[in-house]
Amino acid sequence: MSENTVTVREARAHLADHVDRAEEGTPTVITRNGAPVAAVVPIADFEALEEAADVLLAREAEAVLTEAGPTVTMTELLAGLFAERDGDTA
């Protein structure tokens, strides 16, 4: 899979061509002032990236829960927040 790089102006002028290339499996990287800022990618690649991000976030959340020790219920959390707001220390 080859990479196609264009400026924002070029991408704007030929968006349909870049969408066609993405459908064919070729991403287009869009640059602004020489720096990459966006990409037009095949939808399968985008969906795979989203799925991988979801898996990573779930793993990170699981790790935090196992390392954090005791947990509280939502009721306990809300009661504590309202107590702080109302000036209670109990």
Protein backbone atom coordinates (compact mmCIF):
# COMPACT_ATOMS: atom_id res chain seq x y z
CA MET A 1 0.00 0.00 0.00
CA SER A 2 1.63 3.26 -1.07
CA GLU A 3 1.14 6.57 0.65
CA ASN A 4 -0.06 9.64 -1.22
CA THR A 5 0.73 13.03 0.37
CA VAL A 6 -0.98 16.28 -0.64
CA THR A 7 -1.49 19.77 0.73
CA VAL A 8 -4.84 20.91 2.13
CA ARG A 9 -5.39 22.96 -1.02
CA GLU A 10 -4.70 19.95 -3.27
CA ALA A 11 -6.91 17.71 -1.14
CA ARG A 12 -9.75 20.21 -1.30
CA ALA A 13 -9.45 20.52 -5.08
CA HIS A 14 -9.37 16.74 -5.67
CA LEU A 15 -11.27 15.28 -2.71
CA ALA A 16 -13.24 12.82 -4.85
CA ASP A 17 -9.99 11.40 -6.25
CA HIS A 18 -8.60 10.84 -2.74
CA VAL A 19 -11.84 9.19 -1.64
CA ASP A 20 -11.62 6.90 -4.68
CA ARG A 21 -8.03 6.00 -3.76
CA ALA A 22 -9.10 5.26 -0.18
CA GLU A 23 -11.81 2.93 -1.50
CA GLU A 24 -9.07 1.16 -3.46
CA GLY A 25 -6.93 0.81 -0.32
CA THR A 26 -4.53 3.76 -0.70
CA PRO A 27 -4.52 6.39 2.07
CA THR A 28 -3.83 10.05 1.41
CA VAL A 29 -1.97 12.08 4.02
CA ILE A 30 -2.90 15.77 4.05
CA THR A 31 -0.32 18.35 5.08
CA ARG A 32 -0.49 21.96 6.19
CA ASN A 33 2.72 23.98 6.10
CA GLY A 34 4.61 20.76 5.41
CA ALA A 35 3.34 18.93 8.50
CA PRO A 36 0.87 15.99 8.34
CA VAL A 37 -2.49 17.02 9.84
CA ALA A 38 -5.08 14.56 8.52
CA ALA A 39 -5.62 11.50 6.37
CA VAL A 40 -8.23 10.03 4.05
CA VAL A 41 -8.06 6.30 4.73
CA PRO A 42 -10.02 3.20 3.73
CA ILE A 43 -12.98 2.76 6.08
CA ALA A 44 -11.77 -0.71 7.09
CA ASP A 45 -8.51 0.83 8.34
CA PHE A 46 -10.42 3.49 10.28
CA GLU A 47 -12.73 0.91 11.86
CA ALA A 48 -9.76 -1.28 12.81
CA LEU A 49 -8.09 1.73 14.45
CA GLU A 50 -11.23 2.56 16.42
CA GLU A 51 -11.57 -1.06 17.56
CA ALA A 52 -7.92 -1.18 18.63
CA ALA A 53 -8.35 2.06 20.58
CA ASP A 54 -11.43 0.63 22.34
CA VAL A 55 -9.51 -2.53 23.30
CA LEU A 56 -6.58 -0.47 24.58
CA LEU A 57 -8.84 1.77 26.69
CA ALA A 58 -10.62 -1.27 28.14
CA ARG A 59 -7.27 -2.84 29.07
CA GLU A 60 -6.08 0.39 30.67
CA ALA A 61 -9.33 0.70 32.66
CA GLU A 62 -9.02 -2.91 33.82
CA ALA A 63 -5.42 -2.30 34.92
CA VAL A 64 -6.43 0.80 36.88
CA LEU A 65 -9.22 -1.09 38.61
CA THR A 66 -6.96 -3.96 39.63
CA GLU A 67 -4.21 -1.62 40.90
CA ALA A 68 -6.43 0.93 42.62
CA GLY A 69 -7.52 -1.27 45.50
CA PRO A 70 -10.95 -0.82 47.04
CA THR A 71 -13.74 0.71 44.99
CA VAL A 72 -16.91 2.58 45.94
CA THR A 73 -20.41 2.31 44.60
CA MET A 74 -21.97 5.13 42.59
CA THR A 75 -24.25 5.83 45.57
CA GLU A 76 -21.24 6.23 47.88
CA LEU A 77 -19.49 8.46 45.35
CA LEU A 78 -22.50 10.74 44.91
CA ALA A 79 -23.12 10.90 48.67
CA GLY A 80 -19.50 11.97 49.18
CA LEU A 81 -19.70 14.62 46.46
CA PHE A 82 -22.93 16.08 47.87
CA ALA A 83 -21.48 16.05 51.39
CA GLU A 84 -18.44 18.01 50.17
CA ARG A 85 -20.64 20.47 48.32
CA ASP A 86 -22.84 21.01 51.36
CA GLY A 87 -19.85 21.40 53.68
CA ASP A 88 -20.36 18.14 55.56
CA THR A 89 -17.28 16.22 56.58
CA ALA A 90 -19.05 13.05 57.65
